[in-house]
Amino acid sequence: MFLRRIPIRFLVFFLLAGLILSASTAAGKKKPPAQPININTANSEQLQQVPGIGPAIADKILQMRKSYGPFKSVDDLLAIRGLGAKRLEKMRKYLTVGKTAPKNSSPQQPSEPVKPSTQKSQPSLR
């Protein structure tokens, strides 16, 4: 009778442990973004949508962008401590590098072409 109780206890223990672990890993999974995130324009919240980027890495990306300017390639993220090649490869499909919007400039509207005047121009008074 003692031999029957041990396997049942182990079975119950392992089932509960497996259930707890699977629940915690499922809760830790993120739904990846529908569109790739531009690392040159994204804020911390947008960066954290990418699986593998948490608050600490997002802050490091923003700090690097602020210190060194816009990223030229997604591979530039390899300079961030705690972000290795394997991890970056898993994130790569969710990241893109685009141009940053110029600061303090409004979009310029195309100017109209200058048409030659058919009227005589008046002499300028100087």
Protein backbone atom coordinates (compact mmCIF):
# COMPACT_ATOMS: atom_id res chain seq x y z
CA MET A 1 0.00 0.00 0.00
CA PHE A 2 2.88 2.36 0.73
CA LEU A 3 4.23 1.83 -2.81
CA ARG A 4 0.95 2.94 -4.35
CA ARG A 5 0.92 6.30 -2.52
CA ILE A 6 4.38 7.41 -3.61
CA PRO A 7 3.74 7.30 -7.37
CA ILE A 8 0.41 9.09 -6.95
CA ARG A 9 2.01 11.86 -4.89
CA PHE A 10 4.77 12.28 -7.45
CA LEU A 11 2.24 12.32 -10.24
CA VAL A 12 0.14 14.97 -8.51
CA PHE A 13 3.24 17.04 -7.70
CA PHE A 14 4.52 16.96 -11.28
CA LEU A 15 1.10 17.72 -12.73
CA LEU A 16 0.69 20.75 -10.46
CA ALA A 17 4.24 21.93 -11.16
CA GLY A 18 3.68 21.57 -14.90
CA LEU A 19 0.40 23.46 -14.70
CA ILE A 20 1.98 26.32 -12.78
CA LEU A 21 4.94 26.57 -15.15
CA SER A 22 2.79 26.49 -18.26
CA ALA A 23 0.50 29.18 -16.86
CA SER A 24 3.43 31.45 -16.03
CA THR A 25 5.03 31.06 -19.46
CA ALA A 26 1.71 31.64 -21.21
CA ALA A 27 1.22 34.82 -19.21
CA GLY A 28 4.71 35.98 -20.18
CA LYS A 29 4.07 35.63 -23.92
CA LYS A 30 3.32 38.79 -25.87
CA LYS A 31 1.25 39.14 -28.95
CA PRO A 32 3.74 40.41 -31.53
CA PRO A 33 3.00 43.70 -33.32
CA ALA A 34 1.09 43.53 -36.60
CA GLN A 35 3.54 45.90 -38.29
CA PRO A 36 7.30 46.08 -37.73
CA ILE A 37 8.29 48.70 -35.15
CA ASN A 38 10.58 51.50 -36.37
CA ILE A 39 13.36 51.68 -33.77
CA ASN A 40 14.15 55.27 -34.82
CA THR A 41 10.70 56.63 -33.98
CA ALA A 42 9.16 54.20 -31.44
CA ASN A 43 8.59 55.10 -27.82
CA SER A 44 9.16 52.72 -24.90
CA GLU A 45 5.62 51.35 -24.97
CA GLN A 46 5.82 50.56 -28.69
CA LEU A 47 9.22 48.87 -28.32
CA GLN A 48 7.87 46.69 -25.52
CA GLN A 49 5.31 45.20 -27.92
CA VAL A 50 8.18 43.28 -29.51
CA PRO A 51 8.72 39.84 -27.94
CA GLY A 52 12.07 39.93 -26.16
CA ILE A 53 12.01 43.65 -25.37
CA GLY A 54 11.03 44.60 -21.85
CA PRO A 55 11.18 47.94 -20.07
CA ALA A 56 14.95 47.75 -19.42
CA ILE A 57 15.92 46.98 -23.04
CA ALA A 58 13.43 49.53 -24.36
CA ASP A 59 15.02 52.20 -22.15
CA LYS A 60 18.50 51.21 -23.34
CA ILE A 61 17.37 51.50 -26.99
CA LEU A 62 15.93 54.96 -26.35
CA GLN A 63 19.06 56.07 -24.50
CA MET A 64 21.31 54.82 -27.29
CA ARG A 65 19.19 56.61 -29.89
CA LYS A 66 19.30 59.82 -27.86
CA SER A 67 23.07 59.62 -27.34
CA TYR A 68 24.23 58.45 -30.78
CA GLY A 69 21.44 59.49 -33.13
CA PRO A 70 19.26 57.34 -35.38
CA PHE A 71 20.05 53.70 -35.99
CA LYS A 72 21.33 52.79 -39.45
CA SER A 73 20.52 49.10 -39.09
CA VAL A 74 18.70 46.75 -36.75
CA ASP A 75 22.14 45.18 -36.17
CA ASP A 76 23.15 48.38 -34.33
CA LEU A 77 21.13 47.02 -31.39
CA LEU A 78 23.90 44.45 -30.81
CA ALA A 79 25.82 47.24 -29.06
CA ILE A 80 23.25 47.15 -26.24
CA ARG A 81 24.41 45.16 -23.24
CA GLY A 82 22.08 42.23 -22.63
CA LEU A 83 21.00 41.95 -26.25
CA GLY A 84 22.88 39.22 -28.09
CA ALA A 85 22.77 37.82 -31.61
CA LYS A 86 20.35 34.97 -30.80
CA ARG A 87 17.88 37.26 -29.10
CA LEU A 88 18.12 39.84 -31.87
CA GLU A 89 17.45 37.19 -34.53
CA LYS A 90 14.18 36.29 -32.79
CA MET A 91 13.15 39.96 -32.72
CA ARG A 92 14.40 41.00 -36.17
CA LYS A 93 11.14 40.32 -38.03
CA TYR A 94 9.34 42.74 -35.69
CA LEU A 95 11.83 45.59 -36.09
CA THR A 96 12.66 48.02 -38.87
CA VAL A 97 14.83 51.08 -39.32
CA GLY A 98 13.25 54.07 -40.98
CA LYS A 99 13.99 57.72 -41.23
CA THR A 100 13.29 59.95 -38.29
CA ALA A 101 11.04 62.95 -38.67
CA PRO A 102 13.07 66.17 -38.71
CA LYS A 103 12.58 68.25 -35.58
CA ASN A 104 10.89 71.66 -35.73
CA SER A 105 10.19 71.56 -39.43
CA SER A 106 6.84 71.65 -41.11
CA PRO A 107 6.22 69.72 -44.29
CA GLN A 108 6.95 71.93 -47.26
CA GLN A 109 4.34 72.27 -49.90
CA PRO A 110 5.53 72.20 -53.48
CA SER A 111 5.75 75.69 -54.87
CA GLU A 112 3.85 76.56 -57.99
CA PRO A 113 5.90 76.96 -61.12
CA VAL A 114 6.50 80.55 -62.15
CA LYS A 115 4.61 81.40 -65.30
CA PRO A 116 6.03 83.94 -67.67
CA SER A 117 4.08 87.13 -67.53
CA THR A 118 2.41 88.44 -70.66
CA GLN A 119 2.19 91.95 -69.26
CA LYS A 120 5.04 94.37 -69.44
CA SER A 121 6.90 94.58 -66.22
CA GLN A 122 7.13 97.94 -64.63
CA PRO A 123 10.53 99.32 -63.93
CA SER A 124 11.52 99.05 -60.32
CA LEU A 125 11.96 102.22 -58.39
CA ARG A 126 15.23 102.30 -56.60
